[in-house]
């Protein structure tokens, strides 16, 4: 039998568990716990009410709204009632009595607030504001007509300036929970729709509008697959510039698509859009209707010329139609087939048509065929054009007086469209 030799030092030692504070370091768990209890208590307080009688209200378990400390019995002193008159939607005024308290710890006073009935410092109930929002959502009407409706239906006469303040976009967003997912960036006059994540396939377009007689741009990014607007921005038109700069458009698209998927951008035929799409590293599709319109506009001056014969004008019209057919083809094979057929008879084409074929068509063909390569990408910008006609038609787009008024109308239409899509 083999003799086992044991280490006497090892046999006489016992294991112990050391902590960081044994070495003079603070325990991280204890440190985090202390910091947690130092943070301000953000939980809702005073949410339970007691109805006494004759419209008298008080808190079931009153807690000081200033120091937020939970008190034991007899730590909060009752200080009688405060009278308050509230207007409702049934043409009456309600007089309510709210219990007042004084905290023994901090010495400050507070009173019962019925947050379910009205907002703080408001004498109209929440139902009253909801009714006004529904009227404005159903139809955008002038303030004078809204004032008349409120006077007849609710028997309440409200000043026009007060009504204008109520329907401002910032006040509408603050009181209506449905608008919580629509972000308002006030310094940029921009609203972003967070109700949807986005599919990554977006239409971009601009609309000219007049606000108080001055020209502005309305920039829109629209989700084609979800059929929802993603973001909108109002920018004043500078008198010495014909169009927006590429930097402004790029910043708008970047802000709107932040933390969203981005695969493709569909625009009209301006040259700057192709450069923006390259910088954003996304696929770019030019609307074929705008591309065809550009070609027809180029040949229109020749058709109106008095120096050309009638036969030449008929030939230009026929050859223009053949070039436009390149954009109308339903497959990439037919597109290049039609293009090559025209290249084969290039010598027979008239000089203006030959110029359009060699410059406009060949340089832009890659932007036109993107929808053939990716089936989910549309070939037109019709989605955002239709949205413009519904949200701010020609009869209304030049009648707004303030930027807030335009943003309020757009936000209402944005929310209405989201509701309709959700119901479907």
Protein backbone atom coordinates (compact mmCIF):
# COMPACT_ATOMS: atom_id res chain seq x y z
CA UNK A 1 0.00 0.00 0.00
CA UNK A 2 1.35 3.40 -1.01
CA UNK A 3 1.85 6.02 1.65
CA UNK A 4 0.03 9.31 0.96
CA UNK A 5 1.96 12.45 1.84
CA UNK A 6 -0.31 15.37 2.73
CA UNK A 7 0.55 19.00 2.98
CA UNK A 8 0.23 20.02 6.62
CA UNK A 9 -0.29 23.69 5.70
CA UNK A 10 -3.22 22.83 3.41
CA UNK A 11 -4.87 20.59 6.02
CA UNK A 12 -4.81 23.32 8.65
CA UNK A 13 -6.38 26.08 6.46
CA UNK A 14 -10.11 26.78 6.16
CA UNK A 15 -11.77 28.66 3.27
CA UNK A 16 -13.31 32.09 3.82
CA UNK A 17 -15.29 34.36 1.44
CA UNK A 18 -13.96 37.89 1.06
CA UNK A 19 -15.91 40.95 -0.07
CA UNK A 20 -14.78 44.10 -1.85
CA UNK A 21 -15.28 46.20 1.27
CA UNK A 22 -12.71 43.99 3.07
CA UNK A 23 -10.13 45.62 0.78
CA UNK A 24 -11.41 49.14 1.36
CA UNK A 25 -13.63 49.17 -1.77
CA UNK A 26 -17.34 49.97 -1.70
CA UNK A 27 -19.78 47.16 -2.45
CA UNK A 28 -21.30 47.94 -5.92
CA UNK A 29 -24.65 46.31 -5.06
CA UNK A 30 -25.01 48.40 -1.91
CA UNK A 31 -23.92 51.52 -3.82
CA UNK A 32 -26.57 51.00 -6.55
CA UNK A 33 -29.25 50.37 -3.91
CA UNK A 34 -28.42 53.62 -2.12
CA UNK A 35 -28.55 55.57 -5.39
CA UNK A 36 -31.89 53.96 -6.26
CA UNK A 37 -33.50 55.15 -3.03
CA UNK A 38 -32.07 58.63 -3.53
CA UNK A 39 -33.97 59.03 -6.83
CA UNK A 40 -37.24 60.92 -6.85
CA UNK A 41 -40.39 58.83 -6.54
CA UNK A 42 -42.18 59.13 -9.89
CA UNK A 43 -45.08 56.81 -9.13
CA UNK A 44 -48.57 58.35 -9.40
CA UNK A 45 -49.98 59.55 -6.10
CA UNK A 46 -53.45 60.52 -4.88
CA UNK A 47 -55.29 58.46 -7.50
CA UNK A 48 -58.17 57.27 -5.27
CA UNK A 49 -61.03 59.65 -4.44
CA UNK A 50 -63.93 59.65 -2.01
CA UNK A 51 -67.24 61.26 -2.95
CA UNK A 52 -68.81 62.67 0.21
CA UNK A 53 -72.08 64.38 -0.78
CA UNK A 54 -73.27 67.38 -2.80
CA UNK A 55 -70.23 67.28 -5.14
CA UNK A 56 -67.69 67.23 -2.28
CA UNK A 57 -64.49 65.27 -3.03
CA UNK A 58 -61.42 64.30 -1.03
CA UNK A 59 -58.52 61.83 -1.31
CA UNK A 60 -58.89 58.37 0.18
CA UNK A 61 -55.28 58.32 1.41
CA UNK A 62 -53.88 61.85 0.99
CA UNK A 63 -50.18 62.15 0.21
CA UNK A 64 -48.31 65.44 -0.02
CA UNK A 65 -47.82 66.35 -3.69
CA UNK A 66 -44.73 68.43 -2.81
CA UNK A 67 -42.54 66.16 -0.67
CA UNK A 68 -44.14 62.88 -1.91
CA UNK A 69 -43.81 61.20 1.47
CA UNK A 70 -46.29 58.60 2.66
CA UNK A 71 -47.68 59.80 5.96
CA UNK A 72 -49.11 57.93 8.83
CA UNK A 73 -52.45 58.85 10.31
CA UNK A 74 -52.89 62.49 11.41
CA UNK A 75 -49.76 63.63 9.45
CA UNK A 76 -51.86 65.64 6.97
CA UNK A 77 -54.22 68.34 8.22
CA UNK A 78 -57.58 68.93 6.52
CA UNK A 79 -58.14 72.59 5.66
CA UNK A 80 -61.75 72.78 4.50
CA UNK A 81 -62.92 72.89 0.86
CA UNK A 82 -62.22 75.04 -2.19
CA UNK A 83 -65.07 75.80 -4.60
CA UNK A 84 -64.56 75.30 -8.32
CA UNK A 85 -66.93 75.72 -11.29
CA UNK A 86 -66.47 73.44 -14.29
CA UNK A 87 -68.21 73.71 -17.68
CA UNK A 88 -69.52 70.51 -19.27
CA UNK A 89 -70.84 69.52 -22.71
CA UNK A 90 -74.50 69.41 -21.59
CA UNK A 91 -74.88 73.22 -21.41
CA UNK A 92 -74.44 73.37 -17.63
CA UNK A 93 -71.91 74.48 -15.04
CA UNK A 94 -71.00 72.08 -12.26
CA UNK A 95 -69.93 73.46 -8.88
CA UNK A 96 -67.57 71.07 -7.10
CA UNK A 97 -65.93 71.30 -3.69
CA UNK A 98 -62.35 70.04 -3.38
CA UNK A 99 -60.76 69.17 -0.03
CA UNK A 100 -57.62 71.17 0.85
CA UNK A 101 -54.75 69.77 2.94
CA UNK A 102 -51.59 70.94 4.70
CA UNK A 103 -48.53 68.72 5.10
CA UNK A 104 -47.02 68.66 8.62
CA UNK A 105 -43.59 67.65 7.29
CA UNK A 106 -42.94 70.38 4.70
CA UNK A 107 -45.72 72.77 5.74
CA UNK A 108 -46.99 73.22 2.16
CA UNK A 109 -50.63 73.09 1.10
CA UNK A 110 -52.27 71.06 -1.66
CA UNK A 111 -55.79 70.22 -2.72
CA UNK A 112 -57.77 67.41 -4.31
CA UNK A 113 -57.47 67.39 -8.13
CA UNK A 114 -59.93 65.44 -10.28
CA UNK A 115 -57.55 64.60 -13.15
CA UNK A 116 -60.13 62.27 -14.75
CA UNK A 117 -62.61 65.15 -15.13
CA UNK A 118 -60.48 68.13 -16.19
CA UNK A 119 -56.87 69.16 -16.74
CA UNK A 120 -55.11 71.27 -14.14
CA UNK A 121 -55.87 75.02 -14.38
CA UNK A 122 -58.70 74.36 -16.87
CA UNK A 123 -62.36 75.19 -16.20
CA UNK A 124 -63.67 73.10 -19.11
CA UNK A 125 -63.99 69.33 -18.84
CA UNK A 126 -61.96 66.91 -20.97
CA UNK A 127 -65.15 65.93 -22.83
CA UNK A 128 -65.49 69.55 -23.95
CA UNK A 129 -62.03 69.56 -25.55
CA UNK A 130 -62.58 66.10 -27.06
CA UNK A 131 -65.76 67.37 -28.75
CA UNK A 132 -63.87 70.31 -30.29
CA UNK A 133 -61.11 67.97 -31.52
CA UNK A 134 -63.71 65.69 -33.13
CA UNK A 135 -65.38 68.64 -34.89
CA UNK A 136 -62.01 69.81 -36.27
CA UNK A 137 -61.05 66.25 -37.22
CA UNK A 138 -64.29 65.73 -39.12
CA UNK A 139 -63.84 68.92 -41.09
CA UNK A 140 -61.37 71.80 -41.00
CA UNK A 141 -63.60 74.82 -40.48
CA UNK A 142 -62.87 78.51 -39.78
CA UNK A 143 -62.65 79.62 -36.16
CA UNK A 144 -65.67 81.91 -36.53
CA UNK A 145 -67.83 78.96 -37.65
CA UNK A 146 -66.46 76.79 -34.81
CA UNK A 147 -67.34 79.57 -32.36
CA UNK A 148 -70.91 79.67 -33.75
CA UNK A 149 -71.29 75.85 -33.47
CA UNK A 150 -70.12 75.87 -29.83
CA UNK A 151 -72.47 78.75 -29.05
CA UNK A 152 -75.51 76.98 -30.58
CA UNK A 153 -74.79 73.38 -29.53
CA UNK A 154 -73.20 73.93 -26.11
CA UNK A 155 -74.71 77.33 -25.23
CA UNK A 156 -71.21 78.64 -24.49
CA UNK A 157 -69.67 81.80 -25.91
CA UNK A 158 -65.89 81.45 -26.26
CA UNK A 159 -63.51 84.16 -27.44
CA UNK A 160 -61.87 83.61 -30.86
CA UNK A 161 -58.39 84.11 -29.40
CA UNK A 162 -59.08 81.41 -26.79
CA UNK A 163 -60.29 79.01 -29.50
CA UNK A 164 -57.18 79.69 -31.58
CA UNK A 165 -55.00 78.91 -28.56
CA UNK A 166 -56.89 75.64 -27.90
CA UNK A 167 -56.49 74.21 -31.39
CA UNK A 168 -52.78 75.00 -31.62
CA UNK A 169 -50.80 71.88 -32.30
CA UNK A 170 -48.79 71.89 -29.05
CA UNK A 171 -51.97 72.15 -26.91
CA UNK A 172 -53.74 69.52 -28.99
CA UNK A 173 -50.83 67.11 -28.55
CA UNK A 174 -50.60 67.75 -24.80
CA UNK A 175 -54.27 66.95 -24.05
CA UNK A 176 -55.00 64.18 -26.59
CA UNK A 177 -53.51 60.76 -25.83
CA UNK A 178 -53.99 59.64 -29.44
CA UNK A 179 -51.30 62.10 -30.54
CA UNK A 180 -48.65 60.82 -28.11
CA UNK A 181 -46.91 58.89 -30.91
CA UNK A 182 -46.75 61.92 -33.23
CA UNK A 183 -43.62 63.88 -32.37
CA UNK A 184 -43.56 67.65 -32.85
CA UNK A 185 -40.13 69.24 -33.43
CA UNK A 186 -41.10 72.88 -32.96
CA UNK A 187 -37.79 74.53 -33.93
CA UNK A 188 -37.83 72.70 -37.30
CA UNK A 189 -41.63 72.96 -37.89
CA UNK A 190 -41.61 69.19 -38.34
CA UNK A 191 -43.87 66.33 -37.25
CA UNK A 192 -42.84 62.65 -37.21
CA UNK A 193 -45.25 59.71 -37.10
CA UNK A 194 -44.12 57.02 -34.61
CA UNK A 195 -47.30 54.95 -34.91
CA UNK A 196 -45.53 52.71 -37.44
CA UNK A 197 -41.92 51.53 -37.75
CA UNK A 198 -41.81 51.77 -41.54
CA UNK A 199 -41.28 49.31 -44.38
CA UNK A 200 -38.15 50.96 -45.80
CA UNK A 201 -39.77 51.93 -49.14
CA UNK A 202 -40.59 55.65 -49.05
CA UNK A 203 -42.02 58.22 -51.45
CA UNK A 204 -40.65 61.75 -51.20
CA UNK A 205 -42.28 64.86 -52.63
CA UNK A 206 -42.72 68.60 -52.07
CA UNK A 207 -45.81 70.78 -52.20
CA UNK A 208 -45.95 74.55 -52.62
CA UNK A 209 -48.25 76.23 -50.10
CA UNK A 210 -48.97 79.82 -49.05
CA UNK A 211 -49.15 80.83 -45.39
CA UNK A 212 -50.42 84.35 -44.81
CA UNK A 213 -49.53 85.21 -48.42
CA UNK A 214 -45.91 83.95 -48.22
CA UNK A 215 -44.58 80.90 -50.08
CA UNK A 216 -43.50 77.79 -48.18
CA UNK A 217 -42.44 74.24 -49.00
CA UNK A 218 -44.22 71.25 -47.53
CA UNK A 219 -41.80 68.29 -47.43
CA UNK A 220 -43.32 64.81 -47.08
CA UNK A 221 -41.88 61.33 -46.63
CA UNK A 222 -44.54 58.67 -47.24
CA UNK A 223 -44.40 54.92 -46.60
CA UNK A 224 -45.60 53.20 -49.78
CA UNK A 225 -46.10 49.69 -48.32
CA UNK A 226 -47.85 50.83 -45.10
CA UNK A 227 -49.77 53.61 -46.90
CA UNK A 228 -48.91 56.04 -44.08
CA UNK A 229 -47.08 59.39 -43.90
CA UNK A 230 -43.78 59.12 -42.00
CA UNK A 231 -42.83 62.78 -41.56
CA UNK A 232 -43.72 66.30 -42.70
CA UNK A 233 -41.88 69.62 -42.51
CA UNK A 234 -42.73 73.24 -43.38
CA UNK A 235 -39.84 75.37 -44.72
CA UNK A 236 -40.04 78.96 -45.92
CA UNK A 237 -39.11 79.56 -49.56
CA UNK A 238 -36.17 81.90 -50.03
CA UNK A 239 -36.82 84.61 -52.62
CA UNK A 240 -33.43 84.21 -54.34
CA UNK A 241 -33.59 80.40 -54.72
CA UNK A 242 -35.75 78.42 -57.12
CA UNK A 243 -35.70 75.16 -55.15
CA UNK A 244 -34.59 73.61 -51.88
CA UNK A 245 -30.95 72.70 -51.38
CA UNK A 246 -29.88 69.05 -51.38
CA UNK A 247 -28.56 69.46 -47.84
CA UNK A 248 -31.99 70.54 -46.51
CA UNK A 249 -33.75 67.58 -48.16
CA UNK A 250 -31.08 65.13 -46.99
CA UNK A 251 -31.34 66.35 -43.36
CA UNK A 252 -35.13 66.01 -43.46
CA UNK A 253 -34.98 62.42 -44.78
CA UNK A 254 -32.25 61.47 -42.27
CA UNK A 255 -34.27 62.84 -39.34
CA UNK A 256 -37.44 61.08 -40.53
CA UNK A 257 -35.76 57.70 -41.12
CA UNK A 258 -33.70 57.66 -37.93
CA UNK A 259 -33.98 54.19 -36.33
CA UNK A 260 -36.16 53.02 -39.24
CA UNK A 261 -35.37 50.59 -42.07
CA UNK A 262 -34.51 52.35 -45.34
CA UNK A 263 -34.26 50.43 -48.63
CA UNK A 264 -35.56 52.60 -51.47
CA UNK A 265 -36.54 56.20 -52.27
CA UNK A 266 -39.12 57.09 -54.94
CA UNK A 267 -39.07 60.69 -56.20
CA UNK A 268 -39.88 62.82 -59.22
CA UNK A 269 -37.32 63.64 -61.91
CA UNK A 270 -35.09 66.31 -60.30
CA UNK A 271 -31.37 65.58 -60.69
CA UNK A 272 -30.50 66.32 -57.04
CA UNK A 273 -32.59 63.36 -55.80
CA UNK A 274 -30.26 60.83 -57.40
CA UNK A 275 -27.27 62.35 -55.56
CA UNK A 276 -29.19 62.30 -52.26
CA UNK A 277 -30.09 58.62 -52.74
CA UNK A 278 -26.41 57.79 -53.37
CA UNK A 279 -25.37 59.58 -50.16
CA UNK A 280 -28.05 57.74 -48.20
CA UNK A 281 -26.97 54.45 -49.85
CA UNK A 282 -30.46 53.38 -50.91
CA UNK A 283 -32.09 52.33 -54.19
CA UNK A 284 -33.59 55.19 -56.22
CA UNK A 285 -36.63 55.03 -58.49
CA UNK A 286 -37.69 58.00 -60.61
CA UNK A 287 -41.43 58.32 -61.19
CA UNK A 288 -42.07 57.28 -64.80
CA UNK A 289 -44.90 59.81 -65.18
CA UNK A 290 -42.51 62.66 -64.35
CA UNK A 291 -39.87 61.19 -66.69
CA UNK A 292 -42.38 61.00 -69.57
CA UNK A 293 -43.64 64.52 -68.80
CA UNK A 294 -40.06 65.85 -68.96
CA UNK A 295 -39.52 64.31 -72.43
CA UNK A 296 -42.82 65.72 -73.72
CA UNK A 297 -41.96 69.17 -72.34
CA UNK A 298 -38.63 69.02 -74.18
CA UNK A 299 -40.31 68.28 -77.52
CA UNK A 300 -43.20 70.69 -77.00
CA UNK A 301 -41.14 73.70 -78.09
CA UNK A 302 -40.42 72.01 -81.43
CA UNK A 303 -44.10 71.22 -81.99
CA UNK A 304 -44.93 74.91 -81.45
CA UNK A 305 -42.19 76.11 -83.77
CA UNK A 306 -43.25 78.06 -86.87
CA UNK A 307 -40.13 77.14 -88.85
CA UNK A 308 -40.76 73.36 -88.89
CA UNK A 309 -43.12 71.82 -91.42
CA UNK A 310 -46.27 69.92 -90.46
CA UNK A 311 -44.66 66.64 -91.58
CA UNK A 312 -41.65 67.21 -89.29
CA UNK A 313 -43.97 67.95 -86.35
CA UNK A 314 -45.92 64.73 -86.94
CA UNK A 315 -42.63 62.79 -87.14
CA UNK A 316 -41.39 64.35 -83.86
CA UNK A 317 -44.68 63.45 -82.14
CA UNK A 318 -44.48 59.81 -83.32
CA UNK A 319 -40.82 59.42 -82.36
CA UNK A 320 -41.49 61.02 -78.94
CA UNK A 321 -44.19 58.42 -78.35
CA UNK A 322 -41.69 55.66 -79.21
CA UNK A 323 -39.18 57.01 -76.66
CA UNK A 324 -41.87 57.24 -73.96
CA UNK A 325 -42.71 53.60 -74.62
CA UNK A 326 -39.29 52.68 -73.16
CA UNK A 327 -40.51 53.88 -69.74
CA UNK A 328 -43.92 52.23 -70.09
CA UNK A 329 -42.64 48.69 -70.65
CA UNK A 330 -43.59 46.15 -67.97
CA UNK A 331 -40.31 44.18 -67.89
CA UNK A 332 -36.61 44.97 -68.00
CA UNK A 333 -36.22 42.79 -71.12
CA UNK A 334 -38.86 44.77 -73.06
CA UNK A 335 -37.35 48.07 -71.83
CA UNK A 336 -33.90 47.34 -73.27
CA UNK A 337 -35.42 45.74 -76.38
CA UNK A 338 -37.33 48.95 -77.20
CA UNK A 339 -34.23 51.05 -76.42
CA UNK A 340 -32.01 48.95 -78.73
CA UNK A 341 -34.58 49.10 -81.54
CA UNK A 342 -34.48 52.90 -81.40
CA UNK A 343 -30.67 52.88 -81.30
CA UNK A 344 -30.64 50.75 -84.48
CA UNK A 345 -32.66 53.36 -86.37
CA UNK A 346 -30.86 56.30 -84.77
CA UNK A 347 -29.88 57.72 -88.17
CA UNK A 348 -33.57 57.97 -89.13
CA UNK A 349 -34.47 59.99 -86.01
CA UNK A 350 -34.73 63.75 -86.20
CA UNK A 351 -32.04 65.80 -84.48
CA UNK A 352 -34.03 66.85 -81.33
CA UNK A 353 -35.25 63.26 -80.77
CA UNK A 354 -31.73 61.88 -81.25
CA UNK A 355 -30.45 64.33 -78.62
CA UNK A 356 -33.11 63.23 -76.10
CA UNK A 357 -32.34 59.55 -76.74
CA UNK A 358 -28.56 59.93 -76.30
CA UNK A 359 -28.65 62.22 -73.26
CA UNK A 360 -31.87 62.10 -71.26
CA UNK A 361 -32.86 58.45 -71.79
CA UNK A 362 -29.45 56.75 -71.65
CA UNK A 363 -28.27 58.78 -68.64
CA UNK A 364 -31.43 58.12 -66.61
CA UNK A 365 -32.29 54.56 -67.64
CA UNK A 366 -30.81 53.06 -64.43
CA UNK A 367 -33.13 55.19 -62.28
CA UNK A 368 -36.17 54.13 -64.32
CA UNK A 369 -35.68 50.33 -64.23
CA UNK A 370 -35.27 49.96 -60.43
CA UNK A 371 -38.89 48.81 -60.06
CA UNK A 372 -38.17 45.97 -62.53
CA UNK A 373 -35.30 44.71 -60.35
CA UNK A 374 -37.24 44.92 -57.06
CA UNK A 375 -40.92 44.00 -57.26
CA UNK A 376 -41.87 45.77 -53.99
CA UNK A 377 -40.75 49.18 -55.32
CA UNK A 378 -43.47 51.17 -57.17
CA UNK A 379 -42.75 52.87 -60.47
CA UNK A 380 -44.67 56.08 -59.73
CA UNK A 381 -44.99 58.66 -56.96
CA UNK A 382 -48.80 58.45 -56.99
CA UNK A 383 -49.14 57.46 -53.31
CA UNK A 384 -47.83 60.76 -51.94
CA UNK A 385 -49.61 62.76 -54.68
CA UNK A 386 -52.94 61.23 -53.61
CA UNK A 387 -52.12 61.97 -49.97
CA UNK A 388 -51.58 65.64 -50.87
CA UNK A 389 -54.96 65.83 -52.60
CA UNK A 390 -56.73 64.42 -49.52
CA UNK A 391 -54.83 66.14 -46.70
CA UNK A 392 -54.37 69.65 -48.11
CA UNK A 393 -56.15 70.12 -51.46
CA UNK A 394 -55.70 73.13 -53.74
CA UNK A 395 -58.82 74.83 -52.38
CA UNK A 396 -57.32 74.94 -48.84
CA UNK A 397 -53.53 74.89 -49.16
CA UNK A 398 -53.26 78.67 -49.72
CA UNK A 399 -55.75 79.78 -47.05
CA UNK A 400 -53.80 79.06 -43.86
CA UNK A 401 -52.62 81.98 -41.74
CA UNK A 402 -50.00 80.33 -39.49
CA UNK A 403 -47.51 77.44 -39.59
CA UNK A 404 -49.20 76.02 -36.48
CA UNK A 405 -52.48 75.92 -38.40
CA UNK A 406 -50.89 73.94 -41.25
CA UNK A 407 -49.16 71.51 -38.86
CA UNK A 408 -52.40 71.00 -36.92
CA UNK A 409 -54.29 70.17 -40.13
CA UNK A 410 -51.55 67.80 -41.30
CA UNK A 411 -51.32 66.06 -37.89
CA UNK A 412 -55.11 65.60 -37.83
CA UNK A 413 -55.09 64.05 -41.31
CA UNK A 414 -52.10 61.89 -40.34
CA UNK A 415 -53.94 60.55 -37.29
CA UNK A 416 -57.18 60.09 -39.26
CA UNK A 417 -55.37 58.06 -41.94
CA UNK A 418 -53.72 55.88 -39.29
CA UNK A 419 -57.12 55.19 -37.65
CA UNK A 420 -58.75 54.28 -40.98
CA UNK A 421 -55.90 51.92 -41.91
CA UNK A 422 -56.00 50.32 -38.46
CA UNK A 423 -59.75 49.68 -38.71
CA UNK A 424 -59.32 47.97 -42.09
